[in-house]
């Protein structure tokens, strides 16, 4: 939705999406989203595998890390219109915040992952 919007909104006689700063923001967000999708697919590939909890923690950490910047950048790139009900972008930001509160932050998932992996290494 945001990519389509920055292609149609014009400023200084050019589409907003043609500005390098906007491109960099969108590229950073796309990278985070792609990484979280790859981690999620890996977590769902075989949920009965012995390392399934580790893959789930990695997926949760990546998704939690990618959600907030994606939501914030989308709201900023849409400007004031992003806060209106017609776009609904504020719902994604609120949803990411509530899911993080309910299921743990990316930092918490990384910490539990580190504890689990370090315990595995010391057991060897």
Protein backbone atom coordinates (compact mmCIF):
# COMPACT_ATOMS: atom_id res chain seq x y z
CA UNK A 1 0.00 0.00 0.00
CA UNK A 2 2.80 2.39 0.90
CA UNK A 3 4.85 1.62 -2.21
CA UNK A 4 1.83 2.36 -4.40
CA UNK A 5 1.18 5.58 -2.47
CA UNK A 6 4.72 6.97 -2.82
CA UNK A 7 4.56 6.27 -6.55
CA UNK A 8 1.41 8.39 -6.97
CA UNK A 9 2.06 11.23 -4.49
CA UNK A 10 4.08 14.05 -6.02
CA UNK A 11 6.28 16.64 -4.33
CA UNK A 12 8.52 19.16 -6.11
CA UNK A 13 7.19 17.86 -9.44
CA UNK A 14 8.36 14.28 -8.82
CA UNK A 15 6.84 11.16 -7.26
CA UNK A 16 7.83 10.96 -3.60
CA UNK A 17 9.04 7.41 -4.22
CA UNK A 18 11.73 8.68 -6.57
CA UNK A 19 13.63 10.34 -3.73
CA UNK A 20 16.63 8.38 -2.51
CA UNK A 21 15.75 8.73 1.19
CA UNK A 22 12.32 7.20 0.58
CA UNK A 23 13.85 4.37 -1.46
CA UNK A 24 16.28 3.59 1.36
CA UNK A 25 13.51 3.48 3.95
CA UNK A 26 11.45 1.12 1.82
CA UNK A 27 14.46 -1.08 1.08
CA UNK A 28 15.25 -1.40 4.80
CA UNK A 29 11.66 -2.32 5.57
CA UNK A 30 11.51 -4.83 2.71
CA UNK A 31 14.69 -6.50 3.93
CA UNK A 32 13.30 -6.91 7.44
CA UNK A 33 10.00 -8.27 6.16
CA UNK A 34 11.73 -10.73 3.82
CA UNK A 35 13.96 -12.01 6.62
CA UNK A 36 11.00 -12.48 8.95
CA UNK A 37 9.05 -14.34 6.25
CA UNK A 38 11.98 -16.67 5.57
CA UNK A 39 12.38 -17.37 9.28
CA UNK A 40 8.64 -18.00 9.62
CA UNK A 41 8.62 -20.44 6.70
CA UNK A 42 11.57 -22.27 8.26
CA UNK A 43 9.75 -22.46 11.59
CA UNK A 44 6.62 -23.90 10.01
CA UNK A 45 8.45 -26.35 7.75
CA UNK A 46 8.62 -29.14 10.36
CA UNK A 47 7.04 -28.34 13.71
CA UNK A 48 7.84 -31.79 15.11
CA UNK A 49 11.61 -31.48 14.57
CA UNK A 50 13.80 -31.29 17.68
CA UNK A 51 14.96 -27.77 16.77
CA UNK A 52 11.41 -26.49 16.13
CA UNK A 53 11.35 -24.34 19.32
CA UNK A 54 14.63 -22.71 18.28
CA UNK A 55 13.31 -21.96 14.79
CA UNK A 56 10.09 -20.57 16.30
CA UNK A 57 12.06 -18.26 18.60
CA UNK A 58 14.13 -17.05 15.65
CA UNK A 59 10.97 -16.38 13.61
CA UNK A 60 9.34 -14.49 16.49
CA UNK A 61 12.46 -12.37 16.97
CA UNK A 62 12.71 -11.49 13.27
CA UNK A 63 8.99 -10.75 12.97
CA UNK A 64 8.97 -8.62 16.10
CA UNK A 65 12.00 -6.71 14.88
CA UNK A 66 10.52 -6.10 11.41
CA UNK A 67 6.95 -5.14 12.36
CA UNK A 68 7.50 -1.88 14.18
CA UNK A 69 9.81 -0.20 11.62
CA UNK A 70 7.51 -1.31 8.80
CA UNK A 71 4.48 0.21 10.53
CA UNK A 72 6.25 3.41 11.56
CA UNK A 73 7.76 4.01 8.12
CA UNK A 74 4.42 3.36 6.43
CA UNK A 75 2.72 5.90 8.67
CA UNK A 76 5.47 8.46 8.08
CA UNK A 77 5.50 8.01 4.32
CA UNK A 78 1.72 8.37 4.15
CA UNK A 79 1.90 11.53 6.23
CA UNK A 80 -1.21 12.70 8.04
CA UNK A 81 -3.48 10.59 5.87
CA UNK A 82 -1.91 7.43 7.33
CA UNK A 83 -3.67 8.09 10.63
CA UNK A 84 -7.12 8.15 9.06
CA UNK A 85 -9.51 5.22 9.27
CA UNK A 86 -9.66 4.89 5.49
CA UNK A 87 -6.10 3.50 5.38
CA UNK A 88 -6.09 1.57 8.62
CA UNK A 89 -2.30 1.77 9.02
CA UNK A 90 -2.65 2.70 12.67
CA UNK A 91 -4.31 -0.66 13.29
CA UNK A 92 -1.17 -2.50 12.13
CA UNK A 93 0.99 -0.46 14.49
CA UNK A 94 -1.39 -1.10 17.38
CA UNK A 95 -1.57 -4.79 16.50
CA UNK A 96 2.23 -5.14 16.44
CA UNK A 97 2.47 -3.42 19.82
CA UNK A 98 -0.23 -5.61 21.38
CA UNK A 99 1.23 -8.83 19.95
CA UNK A 100 4.63 -7.87 21.29
CA UNK A 101 3.14 -7.28 24.72
CA UNK A 102 1.20 -10.55 24.62
CA UNK A 103 3.83 -12.87 23.14
CA UNK A 104 7.13 -11.19 23.96
CA UNK A 105 9.41 -8.66 22.35
CA UNK A 106 12.13 -9.47 19.86
CA UNK A 107 14.67 -8.85 22.60
CA UNK A 108 12.99 -11.36 24.91
CA UNK A 109 12.91 -14.00 22.17
CA UNK A 110 16.59 -13.42 21.37
CA UNK A 111 17.45 -13.72 25.05
CA UNK A 112 15.58 -17.02 25.43
CA UNK A 113 17.19 -18.26 22.23
CA UNK A 114 20.65 -17.37 23.52
CA UNK A 115 19.98 -19.12 26.84
CA UNK A 116 18.74 -22.23 25.02
CA UNK A 117 21.71 -22.34 22.63
CA UNK A 118 24.27 -21.67 25.36
CA UNK A 119 22.74 -24.41 27.51
CA UNK A 120 23.03 -26.79 24.56
CA UNK A 121 26.71 -25.89 24.09
CA UNK A 122 27.61 -26.32 27.77
CA UNK A 123 25.85 -29.71 27.82
CA UNK A 124 28.25 -31.04 25.18
